[in-house]
N, C-alpha and C. Protein backbone atom coordinates (compact mmCIF):
# COMPACT_ATOMS: atom_id res chain seq x y z
N MET A 1 132.15 113.00 84.39
CA MET A 1 131.15 113.76 83.37
C MET A 1 131.98 113.47 81.79
N THR A 2 133.42 113.45 81.94
CA THR A 2 134.36 112.66 81.13
C THR A 2 133.87 111.47 80.13
N VAL A 3 133.77 110.41 81.45
CA VAL A 3 133.43 109.03 80.89
C VAL A 3 131.83 109.29 80.29
N ARG A 4 130.94 109.86 80.94
CA ARG A 4 129.63 109.97 80.21
C ARG A 4 129.71 110.48 78.69
N ARG A 5 130.63 111.45 78.34
CA ARG A 5 130.92 112.43 77.40
C ARG A 5 131.42 111.30 75.95
N ASP A 6 132.40 110.31 76.88
CA ASP A 6 132.75 109.41 75.79
C ASP A 6 131.94 108.24 75.56
N LEU A 7 131.41 107.95 76.49
CA LEU A 7 130.19 107.21 76.24
C LEU A 7 129.34 107.34 75.27
N ALA A 8 128.87 108.85 75.31
CA ALA A 8 128.14 109.38 74.59
C ALA A 8 128.38 109.53 72.69
N ARG A 9 129.73 109.97 72.73
CA ARG A 9 130.65 109.84 71.34
C ARG A 9 130.49 108.45 71.09
N LEU A 10 130.98 107.53 71.66
CA LEU A 10 131.23 106.49 71.41
C LEU A 10 129.96 105.53 70.76
N ASP A 11 128.76 106.05 71.41
CA ASP A 11 127.41 105.67 70.85
C ASP A 11 126.75 106.17 69.96
N SER A 12 127.34 107.49 69.43
CA SER A 12 126.83 108.10 68.28
C SER A 12 127.27 107.75 66.87
N GLU A 13 128.86 106.81 67.44
CA GLU A 13 129.26 106.59 66.31
C GLU A 13 129.32 104.98 66.17
N GLY A 14 128.34 104.57 66.94
CA GLY A 14 127.91 102.73 66.95
C GLY A 14 128.76 101.80 67.23
N VAL A 15 130.02 102.28 68.21
CA VAL A 15 131.13 101.55 68.32
C VAL A 15 130.21 100.71 69.83
N LEU A 16 129.55 101.45 70.58
CA LEU A 16 128.95 100.81 71.99
C LEU A 16 127.05 101.36 71.80
N GLN A 17 126.49 100.85 72.58
CA GLN A 17 125.47 101.28 72.75
C GLN A 17 124.86 101.55 74.44
N ARG A 18 124.56 102.75 74.62
CA ARG A 18 124.39 103.27 76.12
C ARG A 18 123.01 102.37 76.86
N VAL A 19 122.99 101.93 77.68
CA VAL A 19 122.09 101.70 78.24
C VAL A 19 121.89 102.12 79.82
N HIS A 20 121.17 101.90 80.98
CA HIS A 20 121.10 102.56 82.40
C HIS A 20 122.15 102.12 82.63
N GLY A 21 123.08 102.84 83.25
CA GLY A 21 124.23 102.52 84.24
C GLY A 21 125.38 102.05 83.38
N GLY A 22 125.51 102.33 82.11
CA GLY A 22 126.70 101.75 81.54
C GLY A 22 126.93 101.70 79.72
N ALA A 23 127.00 100.33 79.26
CA ALA A 23 126.74 100.53 78.06
C ALA A 23 127.03 99.21 77.65
N THR A 24 126.62 98.68 76.56
CA THR A 24 126.69 97.13 76.11
C THR A 24 127.20 97.22 74.79
N ALA A 25 127.54 96.28 74.20
CA ALA A 25 127.62 95.93 72.72
C ALA A 25 126.55 96.62 71.89
N PRO A 26 126.94 97.21 70.33
CA PRO A 26 125.54 97.67 70.00
C PRO A 26 124.88 96.67 69.09
N ARG A 27 123.57 96.99 68.87
CA ARG A 27 122.66 96.08 68.09
C ARG A 27 122.62 96.04 66.54
N PRO A 28 123.28 95.21 65.92
CA PRO A 28 123.25 95.26 64.34
C PRO A 28 121.79 95.87 63.88
N ARG A 29 122.00 96.94 62.34
CA ARG A 29 120.67 97.34 62.49
C ARG A 29 119.75 96.31 61.73
N PHE A 30 118.70 96.86 61.99
CA PHE A 30 117.43 96.13 61.33
C PHE A 30 117.62 95.54 60.25
N SER A 31 118.03 96.46 58.92
CA SER A 31 118.21 95.87 57.66
C SER A 31 119.27 95.15 57.57
N LYS A 32 120.14 94.58 58.15
CA LYS A 32 121.20 93.75 58.51
C LYS A 32 120.50 92.23 58.92
N ARG A 33 119.90 92.55 60.02
CA ARG A 33 119.03 91.62 61.07
C ARG A 33 118.31 90.69 60.05
N VAL A 34 117.39 91.81 59.30
CA VAL A 34 116.31 90.93 58.95
C VAL A 34 116.60 89.94 57.89
N GLY A 35 118.04 89.75 57.20
CA GLY A 35 118.31 88.70 56.26
C GLY A 35 119.01 87.51 56.40
N VAL A 36 119.21 87.39 58.16
CA VAL A 36 119.91 86.38 58.81
C VAL A 36 118.38 85.22 59.63
N MET A 37 118.80 84.51 59.48
CA MET A 37 118.00 83.03 60.14
C MET A 37 116.68 83.28 59.58
N VAL A 38 116.46 83.51 58.22
CA VAL A 38 114.98 83.98 57.44
C VAL A 38 114.11 82.50 57.59
N GLU A 39 114.58 81.69 57.29
CA GLU A 39 113.57 80.39 56.94
C GLU A 39 113.33 79.67 58.34
N ALA A 40 114.38 80.06 59.44
CA ALA A 40 114.10 79.85 60.87
C ALA A 40 112.90 80.74 61.42
N LYS A 41 113.23 82.17 61.18
CA LYS A 41 111.85 82.89 61.61
C LYS A 41 111.02 82.72 60.88
N SER A 42 110.78 82.64 59.55
CA SER A 42 109.45 82.02 58.73
C SER A 42 108.73 81.08 59.86
N ALA A 43 109.79 79.72 60.00
CA ALA A 43 108.67 78.89 60.52
C ALA A 43 108.28 78.88 61.84
N ILE A 44 108.99 79.82 62.39
CA ILE A 44 108.62 80.29 64.10
C ILE A 44 107.02 81.16 63.71
N ALA A 45 107.42 82.12 62.80
CA ALA A 45 106.13 82.66 62.69
C ALA A 45 104.97 82.40 62.20
N ARG A 46 104.90 80.86 61.52
CA ARG A 46 104.12 80.52 61.07
C ARG A 46 103.21 79.74 62.38
N LYS A 47 104.27 79.40 63.36
CA LYS A 47 103.64 78.39 64.48
C LYS A 47 102.92 79.28 65.02
N VAL A 48 103.66 80.70 65.40
CA VAL A 48 102.91 81.80 66.40
C VAL A 48 101.66 81.79 65.73
N ALA A 49 101.33 82.13 64.49
CA ALA A 49 99.93 82.32 63.99
C ALA A 49 99.38 81.23 64.14
N GLU A 50 99.76 80.30 64.41
CA GLU A 50 98.38 79.44 64.68
C GLU A 50 97.85 79.12 65.95
N LEU A 51 98.45 80.06 66.84
CA LEU A 51 98.37 80.13 68.39
C LEU A 51 97.37 81.37 68.32
N ILE A 52 97.03 82.43 67.47
CA ILE A 52 96.43 83.34 67.26
C ILE A 52 94.87 82.73 66.81
N VAL A 53 93.94 83.39 67.68
CA VAL A 53 92.40 82.79 66.89
C VAL A 53 91.54 84.18 66.75
N SER A 54 90.73 83.51 65.95
CA SER A 54 89.68 84.61 65.31
C SER A 54 89.20 85.65 66.97
N GLY A 55 89.19 87.09 66.34
CA GLY A 55 88.62 88.26 67.39
C GLY A 55 90.04 88.39 68.48
N ASP A 56 91.10 87.86 68.50
CA ASP A 56 92.18 88.70 69.23
C ASP A 56 92.50 89.63 69.08
N THR A 57 92.98 89.97 70.14
CA THR A 57 93.57 91.47 70.55
C THR A 57 95.24 91.27 70.84
N VAL A 58 95.83 91.41 69.68
CA VAL A 58 97.42 90.82 69.83
C VAL A 58 98.29 92.12 69.74
N GLY A 59 99.06 91.96 70.93
CA GLY A 59 100.49 92.99 70.65
C GLY A 59 101.57 92.18 70.39
N LEU A 60 101.87 93.16 69.05
CA LEU A 60 103.31 92.92 68.55
C LEU A 60 104.41 93.62 68.63
N ASP A 61 105.42 92.74 69.61
CA ASP A 61 107.15 93.20 69.47
C ASP A 61 107.74 94.01 68.50
N SER A 62 108.77 94.60 68.66
CA SER A 62 109.53 95.15 67.53
C SER A 62 110.41 94.02 67.08
N GLY A 63 111.40 94.23 66.02
CA GLY A 63 112.35 93.07 65.72
C GLY A 63 111.91 92.20 64.57
N THR A 64 112.86 91.44 64.28
CA THR A 64 112.74 91.02 63.01
C THR A 64 111.74 89.60 63.12
N SER A 65 111.97 89.11 63.93
CA SER A 65 110.97 87.78 64.21
C SER A 65 109.55 88.25 64.26
N CYS A 66 109.31 89.33 64.93
CA CYS A 66 107.80 89.61 65.20
C CYS A 66 107.63 90.14 63.90
N ARG A 67 108.18 90.82 63.23
CA ARG A 67 107.82 91.43 61.69
C ARG A 67 107.43 90.36 60.71
N ALA A 68 108.17 89.14 60.91
CA ALA A 68 107.66 87.86 60.50
C ALA A 68 106.23 87.27 60.70
N VAL A 69 106.05 87.49 62.24
CA VAL A 69 104.59 87.20 62.57
C VAL A 69 103.82 88.11 61.84
N ALA A 70 104.05 89.43 61.87
CA ALA A 70 103.21 90.29 60.78
C ALA A 70 102.62 90.19 60.08
N ALA A 71 104.18 89.53 59.40
CA ALA A 71 103.61 89.11 57.57
C ALA A 71 102.74 88.06 57.58
N GLU A 72 103.04 87.31 58.66
CA GLU A 72 102.14 86.07 58.86
C GLU A 72 100.31 86.07 59.07
N LEU A 73 100.47 87.24 59.79
CA LEU A 73 98.95 87.44 60.43
C LEU A 73 98.42 88.22 59.35
N ALA A 74 98.90 89.30 58.32
CA ALA A 74 98.64 90.29 57.64
C ALA A 74 97.43 89.96 56.83
N PRO A 75 97.36 88.69 56.44
CA PRO A 75 96.33 87.99 55.20
C PRO A 75 94.96 88.24 56.13
N ARG A 76 95.09 87.83 57.41
CA ARG A 76 93.72 87.69 58.19
C ARG A 76 92.75 89.05 57.95
N ASP A 77 91.85 88.80 58.49
CA ASP A 77 90.48 90.13 58.48
C ASP A 77 89.85 90.30 59.85
N ASP A 78 90.38 89.30 61.17
CA ASP A 78 89.94 88.85 62.03
C ASP A 78 90.34 89.39 63.47
N LEU A 79 91.32 90.49 63.23
CA LEU A 79 92.22 90.56 64.28
C LEU A 79 92.16 92.33 64.48
N LEU A 80 92.41 92.32 66.06
CA LEU A 80 93.26 93.83 66.16
C LEU A 80 94.55 94.12 66.82
N ILE A 81 95.46 94.59 65.82
CA ILE A 81 97.02 94.55 66.19
C ILE A 81 96.90 95.76 67.11
N VAL A 82 98.25 95.40 68.23
CA VAL A 82 98.65 96.64 68.94
C VAL A 82 100.19 96.63 68.56
N THR A 83 100.75 97.74 68.48
CA THR A 83 102.43 97.83 68.07
C THR A 83 102.76 99.03 67.94
N ASN A 84 104.18 99.14 68.97
CA ASN A 84 104.95 100.37 68.42
C ASN A 84 105.90 100.17 67.35
N SER A 85 105.96 98.99 66.65
CA SER A 85 106.88 98.82 65.68
C SER A 85 106.55 99.19 64.16
N ILE A 86 106.76 99.94 63.76
CA ILE A 86 106.15 100.61 62.26
C ILE A 86 106.70 99.55 61.13
N GLN A 87 107.63 98.89 61.60
CA GLN A 87 107.99 97.39 60.82
C GLN A 87 106.93 96.86 60.64
N ALA A 88 106.37 96.34 61.56
CA ALA A 88 105.61 95.37 62.08
C ALA A 88 104.02 96.16 61.38
N ALA A 89 104.10 97.17 61.57
CA ALA A 89 102.51 97.59 61.34
C ALA A 89 102.81 98.23 59.87
N VAL A 90 103.59 98.34 59.27
CA VAL A 90 103.45 98.20 57.54
C VAL A 90 102.80 97.28 56.89
N GLU A 91 103.20 95.96 57.41
CA GLU A 91 102.78 94.62 57.12
C GLU A 91 101.38 94.47 56.97
N PHE A 92 100.79 95.42 57.87
CA PHE A 92 98.93 95.47 57.45
C PHE A 92 98.66 96.23 56.78
N GLN A 93 99.28 97.01 56.06
CA GLN A 93 99.03 98.25 55.27
C GLN A 93 97.70 98.01 54.44
N TYR A 94 97.72 96.65 54.08
CA TYR A 94 96.34 96.23 53.04
C TYR A 94 95.49 95.33 53.46
N SER A 95 95.69 95.08 54.98
CA SER A 95 95.41 94.05 55.66
C SER A 95 93.75 94.47 55.88
N ARG A 96 92.52 93.45 56.42
CA ARG A 96 91.72 93.95 56.73
C ARG A 96 91.50 94.05 58.00
N SER A 97 92.44 93.49 59.01
CA SER A 97 92.62 93.56 60.53
C SER A 97 92.74 94.76 60.93
N SER A 98 92.40 95.38 61.71
CA SER A 98 92.60 96.58 62.43
C SER A 98 93.91 96.47 63.21
N VAL A 99 94.34 97.96 63.19
CA VAL A 99 96.01 98.20 63.77
C VAL A 99 95.96 99.39 64.48
N ILE A 100 96.39 99.15 65.85
CA ILE A 100 96.53 100.60 66.49
C ILE A 100 98.31 100.69 66.86
N VAL A 101 98.69 101.62 66.50
CA VAL A 101 100.19 102.23 66.34
C VAL A 101 100.27 102.75 67.77
N LEU A 102 101.28 102.32 68.45
CA LEU A 102 101.15 103.35 69.87
C LEU A 102 102.51 104.51 69.31
N GLY A 103 101.90 105.73 69.80
CA GLY A 103 102.83 106.50 69.42
C GLY A 103 104.06 107.15 70.25
N GLY A 104 105.17 108.18 69.82
CA GLY A 104 106.09 108.04 70.47
C GLY A 104 107.29 108.73 69.90
N MET A 105 108.54 108.65 70.24
CA MET A 105 109.73 109.22 69.49
C MET A 105 109.93 108.02 68.88
N LEU A 106 110.86 108.40 67.64
CA LEU A 106 110.79 107.86 66.33
C LEU A 106 112.76 106.99 66.97
N THR A 107 112.80 105.49 66.68
CA THR A 107 114.02 105.29 67.09
C THR A 107 114.76 104.83 65.63
N SER A 108 116.08 104.52 65.70
CA SER A 108 116.76 103.91 64.50
C SER A 108 115.96 102.51 64.16
N GLU A 109 115.51 101.69 65.10
CA GLU A 109 114.94 100.56 64.81
C GLU A 109 113.57 100.39 64.03
N ALA A 110 112.95 101.91 64.10
CA ALA A 110 111.52 102.30 63.48
C ALA A 110 110.77 101.44 64.81
N THR A 111 110.99 101.80 65.77
CA THR A 111 110.13 101.72 66.78
C THR A 111 109.43 103.34 67.31
N LEU A 112 108.47 103.44 68.28
CA LEU A 112 107.99 104.38 68.73
C LEU A 112 107.90 104.25 70.20
N VAL A 113 108.77 105.10 70.99
CA VAL A 113 108.85 104.66 72.45
C VAL A 113 108.71 106.19 73.47
N SER A 114 108.50 106.00 74.60
CA SER A 114 108.13 107.14 75.34
C SER A 114 107.26 108.18 74.88
N GLY A 115 105.92 107.69 74.47
CA GLY A 115 105.13 108.62 73.79
C GLY A 115 104.55 108.93 74.88
N ASP A 116 103.28 109.45 74.43
CA ASP A 116 101.71 110.05 75.17
C ASP A 116 100.82 109.02 75.36
N LEU A 117 100.97 108.06 74.90
CA LEU A 117 99.97 107.02 74.98
C LEU A 117 100.02 106.05 76.05
N VAL A 118 101.15 106.51 77.33
CA VAL A 118 100.84 105.65 78.35
C VAL A 118 99.32 105.20 78.69
N GLU A 119 98.30 105.90 78.81
CA GLU A 119 97.16 105.49 79.59
C GLU A 119 96.50 104.77 78.38
N LYS A 120 96.70 105.18 77.29
CA LYS A 120 95.95 104.21 76.19
C LYS A 120 96.49 102.70 76.45
N ARG A 121 97.77 102.51 76.88
CA ARG A 121 98.54 101.19 76.72
C ARG A 121 97.58 100.43 77.75
N ARG A 122 97.68 101.60 79.15
CA ARG A 122 96.58 100.75 80.47
C ARG A 122 95.49 100.42 80.08
N GLN A 123 94.83 101.06 78.93
CA GLN A 123 93.53 100.61 78.48
C GLN A 123 93.36 99.33 77.77
N LEU A 124 94.22 98.87 77.16
CA LEU A 124 94.13 98.18 76.14
C LEU A 124 94.17 96.41 77.05
N GLN A 125 93.49 95.55 76.55
CA GLN A 125 94.02 94.46 77.04
C GLN A 125 93.89 93.20 75.96
N LEU A 126 95.02 92.73 76.25
CA LEU A 126 95.49 91.84 74.80
C LEU A 126 95.44 90.34 75.26
N ASN A 127 94.59 90.11 74.31
CA ASN A 127 94.66 88.43 74.60
C ASN A 127 95.64 87.79 74.26
N LYS A 128 96.70 88.14 73.46
CA LYS A 128 98.12 87.57 73.35
C LYS A 128 99.12 88.68 73.16
N LEU A 129 100.17 88.49 73.51
CA LEU A 129 101.15 89.36 73.38
C LEU A 129 102.55 88.83 72.95
N VAL A 130 102.76 89.03 71.65
CA VAL A 130 104.26 88.19 71.02
C VAL A 130 105.26 89.14 71.16
N LEU A 131 106.20 88.84 71.81
CA LEU A 131 107.43 89.02 72.11
C LEU A 131 108.83 88.59 71.38
N GLY A 132 109.75 89.49 70.91
CA GLY A 132 110.97 88.81 70.63
C GLY A 132 111.81 88.97 71.59
N CYS A 133 113.19 88.85 71.26
CA CYS A 133 113.83 89.29 72.69
C CYS A 133 115.55 89.30 72.02
N GLY A 134 116.44 89.72 72.91
CA GLY A 134 117.80 89.79 72.54
C GLY A 134 118.51 88.78 72.94
N GLY A 135 118.00 88.20 74.16
CA GLY A 135 118.48 86.74 74.70
C GLY A 135 117.66 86.60 75.82
N LEU A 136 117.87 85.08 75.82
CA LEU A 136 116.82 84.34 77.07
C LEU A 136 118.03 83.11 77.96
N THR A 137 117.67 83.38 79.09
CA THR A 137 118.52 82.67 79.58
C THR A 137 117.76 82.24 81.21
N ALA A 138 118.00 81.01 81.59
CA ALA A 138 117.36 80.39 82.79
C ALA A 138 117.63 81.33 84.01
N LEU A 139 118.78 82.00 84.10
CA LEU A 139 119.06 82.51 85.21
C LEU A 139 118.78 84.22 85.33
N ASP A 140 119.01 84.95 84.01
CA ASP A 140 118.72 86.11 83.96
C ASP A 140 117.30 86.81 83.33
N GLY A 141 116.56 85.50 82.42
CA GLY A 141 115.31 85.93 82.07
C GLY A 141 115.37 86.46 80.51
N ILE A 142 114.52 87.39 80.45
CA ILE A 142 114.64 87.92 78.96
C ILE A 142 115.00 89.45 79.09
N SER A 143 116.08 89.26 78.09
CA SER A 143 116.83 90.61 77.91
C SER A 143 116.67 91.20 76.52
N TYR A 144 116.94 92.46 76.56
CA TYR A 144 116.52 93.20 75.24
C TYR A 144 118.36 94.01 75.51
N PHE A 145 118.39 94.78 74.51
CA PHE A 145 119.23 96.30 74.15
C PHE A 145 119.16 97.63 74.83
N ASP A 146 117.73 98.09 74.73
CA ASP A 146 117.34 99.06 74.92
C ASP A 146 116.64 99.50 75.43
N VAL A 147 116.73 100.47 76.67
CA VAL A 147 115.67 100.73 77.86
C VAL A 147 114.48 101.32 77.66
N ALA A 148 114.44 102.34 76.95
CA ALA A 148 112.99 102.52 76.15
C ALA A 148 112.00 101.54 75.51
N GLU A 149 112.41 100.87 74.86
CA GLU A 149 111.80 99.96 74.04
C GLU A 149 111.27 98.93 74.99
N THR A 150 111.95 98.61 76.20
CA THR A 150 111.98 97.37 76.90
C THR A 150 110.83 97.86 77.63
N GLU A 151 110.72 99.25 78.31
CA GLU A 151 109.50 100.10 78.86
C GLU A 151 108.38 99.76 78.20
N VAL A 152 108.26 99.97 76.95
CA VAL A 152 106.84 100.04 76.29
C VAL A 152 106.44 98.17 76.47
N ARG A 153 107.25 97.29 76.29
CA ARG A 153 107.15 96.02 76.69
C ARG A 153 106.58 95.57 77.82
N ARG A 154 107.41 96.40 79.08
CA ARG A 154 106.90 96.19 80.14
C ARG A 154 105.44 96.41 80.40
N SER A 155 105.06 97.62 79.86
CA SER A 155 103.76 97.94 80.05
C SER A 155 102.71 97.04 79.28
N LEU A 156 102.82 96.78 78.26
CA LEU A 156 101.99 95.72 77.82
C LEU A 156 102.04 94.43 78.10
N LEU A 157 103.12 93.95 78.66
CA LEU A 157 102.93 92.62 79.78
C LEU A 157 101.94 92.62 80.54
N GLY A 158 101.97 93.69 81.16
CA GLY A 158 100.88 93.68 82.37
C GLY A 158 99.48 93.69 82.05
N GLN A 159 99.46 93.99 80.48
CA GLN A 159 97.61 94.26 80.12
C GLN A 159 97.50 92.65 78.98
N SER A 160 98.33 91.21 79.32
CA SER A 160 98.46 90.52 78.61
C SER A 160 97.56 89.18 78.91
N ASP A 161 97.02 88.73 78.05
CA ASP A 161 96.70 87.32 79.12
C ASP A 161 97.26 86.17 78.85
N THR A 162 97.87 86.09 77.52
CA THR A 162 98.70 85.06 77.15
C THR A 162 100.17 85.34 76.57
N VAL A 163 101.44 85.46 76.99
CA VAL A 163 102.41 85.82 76.36
C VAL A 163 103.21 85.02 75.83
N ILE A 164 103.61 85.11 74.56
CA ILE A 164 104.40 84.07 73.53
C ILE A 164 105.58 84.90 73.14
N MET A 165 106.64 83.97 73.31
CA MET A 165 107.67 84.36 72.81
C MET A 165 108.29 83.94 71.70
N ALA A 166 108.74 84.68 70.37
CA ALA A 166 109.60 83.90 69.22
C ALA A 166 110.63 84.27 68.87
N ALA A 167 111.69 83.20 69.20
CA ALA A 167 112.81 83.57 69.29
C ALA A 167 113.67 82.27 68.59
N ASP A 168 114.50 82.92 67.90
CA ASP A 168 115.46 81.56 66.99
C ASP A 168 116.30 81.08 68.04
N HIS A 169 117.17 79.92 67.91
CA HIS A 169 117.80 79.56 68.86
C HIS A 169 119.16 80.23 69.04
N THR A 170 119.63 81.21 68.28
CA THR A 170 120.52 81.88 68.45
C THR A 170 120.54 82.88 69.53
N LYS A 171 119.21 83.01 70.11
CA LYS A 171 119.02 84.14 71.46
C LYS A 171 119.17 83.30 72.76
N LEU A 172 118.79 81.98 72.27
CA LEU A 172 118.68 80.87 73.57
C LEU A 172 120.27 81.19 74.36
N GLY A 173 119.93 81.33 75.79
CA GLY A 173 121.02 81.07 76.40
C GLY A 173 122.20 82.59 76.36
N GLN A 174 121.66 83.58 75.65
CA GLN A 174 122.29 84.81 75.59
C GLN A 174 121.55 85.72 76.31
N ARG A 175 122.54 86.96 76.93
CA ARG A 175 121.87 87.95 78.04
C ARG A 175 122.18 89.28 77.36
N LYS A 176 121.42 90.38 77.22
CA LYS A 176 121.99 91.31 76.80
C LYS A 176 121.51 92.43 78.00
N GLY A 177 121.81 93.81 77.71
CA GLY A 177 121.97 94.67 78.80
C GLY A 177 120.70 95.02 79.80
N VAL A 178 119.74 94.83 79.07
CA VAL A 178 118.66 95.36 79.49
C VAL A 178 117.31 94.45 79.76
N VAL A 179 117.09 93.83 81.12
CA VAL A 179 116.27 92.78 81.99
C VAL A 179 114.89 93.07 81.34
N LEU A 180 114.11 92.27 81.08
CA LEU A 180 112.57 92.62 81.21
C LEU A 180 111.95 91.87 82.43
N ASP A 181 112.42 90.55 82.34
CA ASP A 181 111.28 89.80 83.57
C ASP A 181 111.77 88.54 83.12
N ARG A 182 111.69 87.75 84.12
CA ARG A 182 112.10 86.22 84.48
C ARG A 182 111.26 85.58 83.49
N ILE A 183 111.53 84.33 83.04
CA ILE A 183 111.01 83.61 82.32
C ILE A 183 109.18 82.82 82.56
N ASP A 184 109.19 82.97 84.14
CA ASP A 184 107.81 82.69 84.27
C ASP A 184 106.53 83.60 84.02
N VAL A 185 107.25 84.72 83.14
CA VAL A 185 106.08 85.63 82.50
C VAL A 185 105.43 85.01 81.35
N LEU A 186 106.33 84.07 80.76
CA LEU A 186 105.94 83.51 79.25
C LEU A 186 105.15 82.49 79.80
N ASP A 187 104.09 82.23 78.44
CA ASP A 187 103.36 80.75 78.57
C ASP A 187 103.84 80.17 77.22
N VAL A 188 104.33 80.60 76.45
CA VAL A 188 104.74 79.84 75.31
C VAL A 188 105.99 80.39 74.75
N LEU A 189 107.06 79.42 74.43
CA LEU A 189 107.64 79.70 73.65
C LEU A 189 107.92 78.89 72.28
N VAL A 190 108.12 80.17 71.36
CA VAL A 190 107.93 79.05 70.33
C VAL A 190 109.57 79.40 69.27
N THR A 191 110.18 78.53 69.17
CA THR A 191 111.30 78.20 68.72
C THR A 191 112.24 77.57 67.70
N ASP A 192 113.27 77.29 66.91
CA ASP A 192 113.66 76.33 65.82
C ASP A 192 114.44 75.28 66.24
N LYS A 193 115.11 75.45 67.72
CA LYS A 193 115.82 74.32 67.95
C LYS A 193 115.45 74.05 69.48
N GLU A 194 115.56 72.73 69.94
CA GLU A 194 115.13 72.56 71.40
C GLU A 194 116.41 73.62 72.35
N PRO A 195 116.02 74.05 73.78
CA PRO A 195 116.79 75.01 74.28
C PRO A 195 117.87 73.78 75.04
N ASP A 196 118.66 74.35 75.70
CA ASP A 196 119.92 73.46 76.06
C ASP A 196 119.02 72.65 77.30
N ARG A 197 119.52 71.64 78.31
CA ARG A 197 118.98 70.99 79.11
C ARG A 197 118.60 72.31 80.29
N ASP A 198 119.40 72.90 80.75
CA ASP A 198 119.19 73.95 81.87
C ASP A 198 118.22 74.76 81.65
N LEU A 199 117.85 75.29 80.38
CA LEU A 199 117.16 76.21 80.15
C LEU A 199 115.62 75.75 79.84
N ARG A 200 115.72 74.46 79.22
CA ARG A 200 114.65 73.27 79.13
C ARG A 200 113.69 73.21 80.24
N ASN A 201 114.55 72.94 81.27
CA ASN A 201 113.96 72.30 82.57
C ASN A 201 113.58 73.61 83.38
N GLU A 202 114.10 74.75 83.22
CA GLU A 202 113.89 76.00 84.06
C GLU A 202 112.35 76.42 83.12
N LEU A 203 112.36 76.53 81.77
CA LEU A 203 111.21 76.75 81.12
C LEU A 203 109.96 75.62 81.26
N LEU A 204 110.17 74.46 81.46
CA LEU A 204 108.98 73.56 81.93
C LEU A 204 108.62 73.78 83.49
N SER A 205 109.58 74.14 84.14
CA SER A 205 109.33 74.10 85.84
C SER A 205 108.48 75.76 86.02
N ALA A 206 108.93 76.30 85.24
CA ALA A 206 108.03 77.38 85.07
C ALA A 206 106.78 77.48 84.24
N GLY A 207 106.24 76.26 84.00
CA GLY A 207 104.88 76.12 83.24
C GLY A 207 105.02 76.68 81.59
N VAL A 208 106.35 76.87 81.27
CA VAL A 208 106.21 77.48 80.02
C VAL A 208 105.90 76.26 78.81
N GLU A 209 105.33 76.31 77.88
CA GLU A 209 105.05 75.69 76.50
C GLU A 209 105.95 75.89 75.99
N ILE A 210 106.82 74.82 75.12
CA ILE A 210 107.89 74.84 74.33
C ILE A 210 107.37 74.52 73.10
N VAL A 211 107.73 74.97 72.30
CA VAL A 211 107.09 74.68 70.58
C VAL A 211 108.41 74.82 69.71
N VAL A 212 108.86 73.52 68.97
CA VAL A 212 110.01 73.39 68.46
C VAL A 212 109.72 73.37 66.94
N THR A 213 110.02 74.50 66.03
CA THR A 213 109.44 74.09 64.80
C THR A 213 110.32 73.10 63.72
N GLY A 214 111.56 72.86 64.17
CA GLY A 214 112.49 72.14 63.62
C GLY A 214 113.03 70.45 63.87
């Protein structure tokens, strides 16, 4: 109980972030991350947008890379967007495309998690799901910082025809505390630099298309 109290206190002070079974380094705030790797994320977002065709129902993950994708897609009028990210949804405020925002409890990332729309998620069929990530490795697969957000991703993953990951090169070779799945659930990786040899070989062996913007 003492350890749990100490973890809770350190979590509230931003020293660490609690995850199932322990703790991990805290995720930098969205407002700080949004100004990092701006050009790379914009280039990645443009490539991702090229993969989205008229009439697609598109799931959009949270995070700064996916918000950049939202900004690229917002001028279009031929899409249905599904997201639990308020940051991504706001980009479509004046868009003629339709947006479904999945409900739940508001997090510090301006995402909505653990809500009462689980059944609605199951009813949604996504043509494309665009994921960001905290880390991507050949051994551990796709990982993130937060358990509840990752459960939303997991529920959408099972309803998606094509899964696209938008991740700048700083995420490649990194592992965070919460694993979503192996890399073979991806269909496309869009990034700004070539992955290292081991990760590249694993991705290609898993049938993942690698699109490099740089």
